[in-house]
Amino acid sequence: MTIFAVVALAAVGVGNGNASGAGDATTPRPRSTVHYPIHFDDAPTVPIRKPQPTVSYPIRFPSAKGQR
């Protein structure tokens, strides 16, 4: 068990070699390559359809007294 603990400690120590705070060292940060809003110039424009009611009469739902 002690050997396992020594090997694990050595692996953690080797894996964090640059984490000691070297002063000038800066870690590179990922930069976004996306520009919003996204436009597709060659895409055909499709008109947006508004939903139509399925019945022509209003549907009234019963409510408990004093609720509304």
PDB file of N, CA and C in Angstrom:
ATOM      1  N   MET A   1       0.831  -1.196   0.000  1.00  0.00           N
ATOM      2  CA  MET A   1       0.000   0.000   0.000  1.00  0.00           C
ATOM      3  C   MET A   1       0.870   1.253   0.000  1.00  0.00           C
ATOM      4  N   THR A   2       1.973   1.198   0.706  1.00  0.00           N
ATOM      5  CA  THR A   2       2.874   2.341   0.769  1.00  0.00           C
ATOM      6  C   THR A   2       3.502   2.604  -0.591  1.00  0.00           C
ATOM      7  N   ILE A   3       3.813   1.538  -1.312  1.00  0.00           N
ATOM      8  CA  ILE A   3       4.409   1.698  -2.644  1.00  0.00           C
ATOM      9  C   ILE A   3       3.413   2.387  -3.576  1.00  0.00           C
ATOM     10  N   PHE A   4       2.149   1.993  -3.465  1.00  0.00           N
ATOM     11  CA  PHE A   4       1.118   2.627  -4.298  1.00  0.00           C
ATOM     12  C   PHE A   4       1.010   4.116  -3.987  1.00  0.00           C
ATOM     13  N   ALA A   5       1.082   4.478  -2.724  1.00  0.00           N
ATOM     14  CA  ALA A   5       0.989   5.887  -2.330  1.00  0.00           C
ATOM     15  C   ALA A   5       2.192   6.672  -2.856  1.00  0.00           C
ATOM     16  N   VAL A   6       3.362   6.100  -2.836  1.00  0.00           N
ATOM     17  CA  VAL A   6       4.568   6.780  -3.337  1.00  0.00           C
ATOM     18  C   VAL A   6       4.472   6.964  -4.840  1.00  0.00           C
ATOM     19  N   VAL A   7       4.012   5.952  -5.557  1.00  0.00           N
ATOM     20  CA  VAL A   7       3.870   6.056  -7.013  1.00  0.00           C
ATOM     21  C   VAL A   7       2.814   7.098  -7.362  1.00  0.00           C
ATOM     22  N   ALA A   8       1.710   7.135  -6.650  1.00  0.00           N
ATOM     23  CA  ALA A   8       0.663   8.123  -6.916  1.00  0.00           C
ATOM     24  C   ALA A   8       1.171   9.528  -6.636  1.00  0.00           C
ATOM     25  N   LEU A   9       1.903   9.716  -5.565  1.00  0.00           N
ATOM     26  CA  LEU A   9       2.460  11.026  -5.245  1.00  0.00           C
ATOM     27  C   LEU A   9       3.462  11.467  -6.297  1.00  0.00           C
ATOM     28  N   ALA A  10       4.263  10.549  -6.805  1.00  0.00           N
ATOM     29  CA  ALA A  10       5.229  10.875  -7.859  1.00  0.00           C
ATOM     30  C   ALA A  10       4.510  11.248  -9.152  1.00  0.00           C
ATOM     31  N   ALA A  11       3.422  10.554  -9.479  1.00  0.00           N
ATOM     32  CA  ALA A  11       2.673  10.864 -10.698  1.00  0.00           C
ATOM     33  C   ALA A  11       2.029  12.244 -10.603  1.00  0.00           C
ATOM     34  N   VAL A  12       1.507  12.591  -9.454  1.00  0.00           N
ATOM     35  CA  VAL A  12       0.900  13.904  -9.268  1.00  0.00           C
ATOM     36  C   VAL A  12       1.972  14.985  -9.342  1.00  0.00           C
ATOM     37  N   GLY A  13       3.121  14.735  -8.753  1.00  0.00           N
ATOM     38  CA  GLY A  13       4.210  15.711  -8.779  1.00  0.00           C
ATOM     39  C   GLY A  13       4.755  15.942 -10.172  1.00  0.00           C
ATOM     40  N   VAL A  14       4.874  14.902 -10.981  1.00  0.00           N
ATOM     41  CA  VAL A  14       5.365  15.039 -12.358  1.00  0.00           C
ATOM     42  C   VAL A  14       4.314  15.724 -13.222  1.00  0.00           C
ATOM     43  N   GLY A  15       3.053  15.429 -12.989  1.00  0.00           N
ATOM     44  CA  GLY A  15       1.987  16.010 -13.798  1.00  0.00           C
ATOM     45  C   GLY A  15       1.795  17.496 -13.576  1.00  0.00           C
ATOM     46  N   ASN A  16       2.189  18.019 -12.420  1.00  0.00           N
ATOM     47  CA  ASN A  16       2.006  19.433 -12.109  1.00  0.00           C
ATOM     48  C   ASN A  16       3.337  20.168 -12.070  1.00  0.00           C
ATOM     49  N   GLY A  17       4.201  19.882 -12.988  1.00  0.00           N
ATOM     50  CA  GLY A  17       5.527  20.496 -13.000  1.00  0.00           C
ATOM     51  C   GLY A  17       5.496  22.000 -13.184  1.00  0.00           C
ATOM     52  N   ASN A  18       4.571  22.547 -13.974  1.00  0.00           N
ATOM     53  CA  ASN A  18       4.524  23.984 -14.249  1.00  0.00           C
ATOM     54  C   ASN A  18       3.600  24.727 -13.298  1.00  0.00           C
ATOM     55  N   ALA A  19       2.987  24.058 -12.347  1.00  0.00           N
ATOM     56  CA  ALA A  19       1.997  24.696 -11.490  1.00  0.00           C
ATOM     57  C   ALA A  19       2.614  25.405 -10.290  1.00  0.00           C
ATOM     58  N   SER A  20       3.922  25.500 -10.224  1.00  0.00           N
ATOM     59  CA  SER A  20       4.550  26.086  -9.044  1.00  0.00           C
ATOM     60  C   SER A  20       4.560  27.608  -9.081  1.00  0.00           C
ATOM     61  N   GLY A  21       4.086  28.233 -10.137  1.00  0.00           N
ATOM     62  CA  GLY A  21       4.051  29.688 -10.213  1.00  0.00           C
ATOM     63  C   GLY A  21       5.374  30.245 -10.686  1.00  0.00           C
ATOM     64  N   ALA A  22       5.690  30.079 -11.944  1.00  0.00           N
ATOM     65  CA  ALA A  22       6.992  30.460 -12.489  1.00  0.00           C
ATOM     66  C   ALA A  22       7.133  31.959 -12.678  1.00  0.00           C
ATOM     67  N   GLY A  23       6.141  32.746 -12.384  1.00  0.00           N
ATOM     68  CA  GLY A  23       6.261  34.206 -12.489  1.00  0.00           C
ATOM     69  C   GLY A  23       5.796  34.711 -13.839  1.00  0.00           C
ATOM     70  N   ASP A  24       6.633  34.677 -14.870  1.00  0.00           N
ATOM     71  CA  ASP A  24       6.323  35.230 -16.189  1.00  0.00           C
ATOM     72  C   ASP A  24       5.459  34.297 -17.028  1.00  0.00           C
ATOM     73  N   ALA A  25       5.478  33.025 -16.730  1.00  0.00           N
ATOM     74  CA  ALA A  25       4.793  32.049 -17.575  1.00  0.00           C
ATOM     75  C   ALA A  25       3.285  32.321 -17.577  1.00  0.00           C
ATOM     76  N   THR A  26       2.732  32.463 -18.777  1.00  0.00           N
ATOM     77  CA  THR A  26       1.289  32.637 -18.914  1.00  0.00           C
ATOM     78  C   THR A  26       0.736  31.465 -19.688  1.00  0.00           C
ATOM     79  N   THR A  27      -0.391  31.014 -19.272  1.00  0.00           N
ATOM     80  CA  THR A  27      -1.020  29.903 -19.973  1.00  0.00           C
ATOM     81  C   THR A  27      -1.828  30.452 -21.130  1.00  0.00           C
ATOM     82  N   PRO A  28      -1.727  29.840 -22.286  1.00  0.00           N
ATOM     83  CA  PRO A  28      -2.525  30.324 -23.420  1.00  0.00           C
ATOM     84  C   PRO A  28      -4.006  30.079 -23.183  1.00  0.00           C
ATOM     85  N   ARG A  29      -4.806  31.029 -23.539  1.00  0.00           N
ATOM     86  CA  ARG A  29      -6.256  30.928 -23.377  1.00  0.00           C
ATOM     87  C   ARG A  29      -6.898  30.692 -24.729  1.00  0.00           C
ATOM     88  N   PRO A  30      -7.934  29.867 -24.790  1.00  0.00           N
ATOM     89  CA  PRO A  30      -8.631  29.655 -26.065  1.00  0.00           C
ATOM     90  C   PRO A  30      -9.347  30.922 -26.503  1.00  0.00           C
ATOM     91  N   ARG A  31      -9.326  31.169 -27.791  1.00  0.00           N
ATOM     92  CA  ARG A  31     -10.003  32.342 -28.347  1.00  0.00           C
ATOM     93  C   ARG A  31     -11.151  31.898 -29.219  1.00  0.00           C
ATOM     94  N   SER A  32     -12.227  32.650 -29.177  1.00  0.00           N
ATOM     95  CA  SER A  32     -13.407  32.312 -29.957  1.00  0.00           C
ATOM     96  C   SER A  32     -13.168  32.651 -31.425  1.00  0.00           C
ATOM     97  N   THR A  33     -13.596  31.765 -32.304  1.00  0.00           N
ATOM     98  CA  THR A  33     -13.457  32.015 -33.737  1.00  0.00           C
ATOM     99  C   THR A  33     -14.809  32.278 -34.387  1.00  0.00           C
ATOM    100  N   VAL A  34     -15.858  32.382 -33.578  1.00  0.00           N
ATOM    101  CA  VAL A  34     -17.209  32.559 -34.093  1.00  0.00           C
ATOM    102  C   VAL A  34     -17.575  34.037 -34.050  1.00  0.00           C
ATOM    103  N   HIS A  35     -18.251  34.502 -35.095  1.00  0.00           N
ATOM    104  CA  HIS A  35     -18.734  35.879 -35.144  1.00  0.00           C
ATOM    105  C   HIS A  35     -20.257  35.833 -35.183  1.00  0.00           C
ATOM    106  N   TYR A  36     -20.889  36.388 -34.163  1.00  0.00           N
ATOM    107  CA  TYR A  36     -22.342  36.401 -34.073  1.00  0.00           C
ATOM    108  C   TYR A  36     -22.880  37.721 -34.554  1.00  0.00           C
ATOM    109  N   PRO A  37     -24.057  37.826 -35.108  1.00  0.00           N
ATOM    110  CA  PRO A  37     -24.973  36.754 -35.473  1.00  0.00           C
ATOM    111  C   PRO A  37     -24.493  36.029 -36.725  1.00  0.00           C
ATOM    112  N   ILE A  38     -24.881  34.787 -36.848  1.00  0.00           N
ATOM    113  CA  ILE A  38     -24.472  33.962 -37.981  1.00  0.00           C
ATOM    114  C   ILE A  38     -25.465  34.167 -39.114  1.00  0.00           C
ATOM    115  N   HIS A  39     -24.958  34.468 -40.296  1.00  0.00           N
ATOM    116  CA  HIS A  39     -25.795  34.671 -41.480  1.00  0.00           C
ATOM    117  C   HIS A  39     -25.409  33.650 -42.541  1.00  0.00           C
ATOM    118  N   PHE A  40     -26.406  33.109 -43.204  1.00  0.00           N
ATOM    119  CA  PHE A  40     -26.187  32.216 -44.333  1.00  0.00           C
ATOM    120  C   PHE A  40     -26.675  32.951 -45.570  1.00  0.00           C
ATOM    121  N   ASP A  41     -25.749  33.477 -46.350  1.00  0.00           N
ATOM    122  CA  ASP A  41     -26.108  34.322 -47.496  1.00  0.00           C
ATOM    123  C   ASP A  41     -26.802  33.551 -48.611  1.00  0.00           C
ATOM    124  N   ASP A  42     -26.434  32.292 -48.823  1.00  0.00           N
ATOM    125  CA  ASP A  42     -26.990  31.524 -49.941  1.00  0.00           C
ATOM    126  C   ASP A  42     -28.263  30.769 -49.568  1.00  0.00           C
ATOM    127  N   ALA A  43     -28.700  30.846 -48.332  1.00  0.00           N
ATOM    128  CA  ALA A  43     -29.881  30.098 -47.901  1.00  0.00           C
ATOM    129  C   ALA A  43     -31.153  30.793 -48.375  1.00  0.00           C
ATOM    130  N   PRO A  44     -32.130  30.034 -48.870  1.00  0.00           N
ATOM    131  CA  PRO A  44     -33.391  30.654 -49.294  1.00  0.00           C
ATOM    132  C   PRO A  44     -34.183  31.134 -48.073  1.00  0.00           C
ATOM    133  N   THR A  45     -34.855  32.231 -48.235  1.00  0.00           N
ATOM    134  CA  THR A  45     -35.657  32.758 -47.127  1.00  0.00           C
ATOM    135  C   THR A  45     -37.021  32.078 -47.134  1.00  0.00           C
ATOM    136  N   VAL A  46     -37.385  31.531 -46.005  1.00  0.00           N
ATOM    137  CA  VAL A  46     -38.662  30.842 -45.857  1.00  0.00           C
ATOM    138  C   VAL A  46     -39.547  31.710 -44.967  1.00  0.00           C
ATOM    139  N   PRO A  47     -40.741  32.058 -45.435  1.00  0.00           N
ATOM    140  CA  PRO A  47     -41.609  32.874 -44.582  1.00  0.00           C
ATOM    141  C   PRO A  47     -42.044  32.085 -43.343  1.00  0.00           C
ATOM    142  N   ILE A  48     -42.099  32.768 -42.230  1.00  0.00           N
ATOM    143  CA  ILE A  48     -42.502  32.129 -40.981  1.00  0.00           C
ATOM    144  C   ILE A  48     -44.020  32.078 -40.925  1.00  0.00           C
ATOM    145  N   ARG A  49     -44.550  30.858 -40.766  1.00  0.00           N
ATOM    146  CA  ARG A  49     -45.990  30.691 -40.705  1.00  0.00           C
ATOM    147  C   ARG A  49     -46.458  30.861 -39.280  1.00  0.00           C
ATOM    148  N   LYS A  50     -47.508  31.635 -39.109  1.00  0.00           N
ATOM    149  CA  LYS A  50     -48.099  31.802 -37.792  1.00  0.00           C
ATOM    150  C   LYS A  50     -49.071  30.660 -37.542  1.00  0.00           C
ATOM    151  N   PRO A  51     -49.157  30.186 -36.313  1.00  0.00           N
ATOM    152  CA  PRO A  51     -50.079  29.084 -36.032  1.00  0.00           C
ATOM    153  C   PRO A  51     -51.528  29.522 -36.196  1.00  0.00           C
ATOM    154  N   GLN A  52     -52.313  28.627 -36.726  1.00  0.00           N
ATOM    155  CA  GLN A  52     -53.735  28.879 -36.939  1.00  0.00           C
ATOM    156  C   GLN A  52     -54.533  28.095 -35.906  1.00  0.00           C
ATOM    157  N   PRO A  53     -55.602  28.665 -35.393  1.00  0.00           N
ATOM    158  CA  PRO A  53     -56.419  27.907 -34.445  1.00  0.00           C
ATOM    159  C   PRO A  53     -57.087  26.727 -35.152  1.00  0.00           C
ATOM    160  N   THR A  54     -57.250  25.632 -34.416  1.00  0.00           N
ATOM    161  CA  THR A  54     -57.850  24.442 -35.022  1.00  0.00           C
ATOM    162  C   THR A  54     -59.371  24.465 -34.945  1.00  0.00           C
ATOM    163  N   VAL A  55     -59.938  25.333 -34.118  1.00  0.00           N
ATOM    164  CA  VAL A  55     -61.393  25.458 -34.032  1.00  0.00           C
ATOM    165  C   VAL A  55     -61.756  26.923 -34.222  1.00  0.00           C
ATOM    166  N   SER A  56     -62.977  27.171 -34.656  1.00  0.00           N
ATOM    167  CA  SER A  56     -63.395  28.543 -34.919  1.00  0.00           C
ATOM    168  C   SER A  56     -64.165  29.153 -33.749  1.00  0.00           C
ATOM    169  N   TYR A  57     -64.308  28.429 -32.654  1.00  0.00           N
ATOM    170  CA  TYR A  57     -65.056  28.945 -31.518  1.00  0.00           C
ATOM    171  C   TYR A  57     -64.139  28.935 -30.290  1.00  0.00           C
ATOM    172  N   PRO A  58     -64.366  29.827 -29.340  1.00  0.00           N
ATOM    173  CA  PRO A  58     -63.511  29.847 -28.149  1.00  0.00           C
ATOM    174  C   PRO A  58     -63.825  28.677 -27.217  1.00  0.00           C
ATOM    175  N   ILE A  59     -62.819  28.130 -26.614  1.00  0.00           N
ATOM    176  CA  ILE A  59     -62.993  27.037 -25.671  1.00  0.00           C
ATOM    177  C   ILE A  59     -62.843  27.612 -24.267  1.00  0.00           C
ATOM    178  N   ARG A  60     -63.865  27.430 -23.441  1.00  0.00           N
ATOM    179  CA  ARG A  60     -63.821  27.936 -22.072  1.00  0.00           C
ATOM    180  C   ARG A  60     -63.555  26.766 -21.128  1.00  0.00           C
ATOM    181  N   PHE A  61     -62.543  26.942 -20.289  1.00  0.00           N
ATOM    182  CA  PHE A  61     -62.202  25.915 -19.324  1.00  0.00           C
ATOM    183  C   PHE A  61     -62.790  26.297 -17.975  1.00  0.00           C
ATOM    184  N   PRO A  62     -63.417  25.353 -17.287  1.00  0.00           N
ATOM    185  CA  PRO A  62     -63.998  25.684 -15.975  1.00  0.00           C
ATOM    186  C   PRO A  62     -62.895  25.978 -14.961  1.00  0.00           C
ATOM    187  N   SER A  63     -63.127  26.980 -14.127  1.00  0.00           N
ATOM    188  CA  SER A  63     -62.166  27.303 -13.098  1.00  0.00           C
ATOM    189  C   SER A  63     -62.864  27.283 -11.737  1.00  0.00           C
ATOM    190  N   ALA A  64     -62.104  27.013 -10.716  1.00  0.00           N
ATOM    191  CA  ALA A  64     -62.680  26.971  -9.372  1.00  0.00           C
ATOM    192  C   ALA A  64     -63.109  28.388  -8.969  1.00  0.00           C
ATOM    193  N   LYS A  65     -64.123  28.478  -8.134  1.00  0.00           N
ATOM    194  CA  LYS A  65     -64.619  29.804  -7.727  1.00  0.00           C
ATOM    195  C   LYS A  65     -63.552  30.539  -6.948  1.00  0.00           C
ATOM    196  N   GLY A  66     -63.391  31.811  -7.267  1.00  0.00           N
ATOM    197  CA  GLY A  66     -62.439  32.649  -6.571  1.00  0.00           C
ATOM    198  C   GLY A  66     -61.017  32.533  -7.082  1.00  0.00           C
ATOM    199  N   GLN A  67     -60.787  31.693  -8.057  1.00  0.00           N
ATOM    200  CA  GLN A  67     -59.434  31.548  -8.599  1.00  0.00           C
ATOM    201  C   GLN A  67     -59.084  32.700  -9.505  1.00  0.00           C
ATOM    202  N   ARG A  68     -60.022  33.133 -10.327  1.00  0.00           N
ATOM    203  CA  ARG A  68     -59.730  34.212 -11.269  1.00  0.00           C
ATOM    204  C   ARG A  68     -60.699  35.318 -11.105  1.00  0.00           C
TER     205      ARG A  68
END
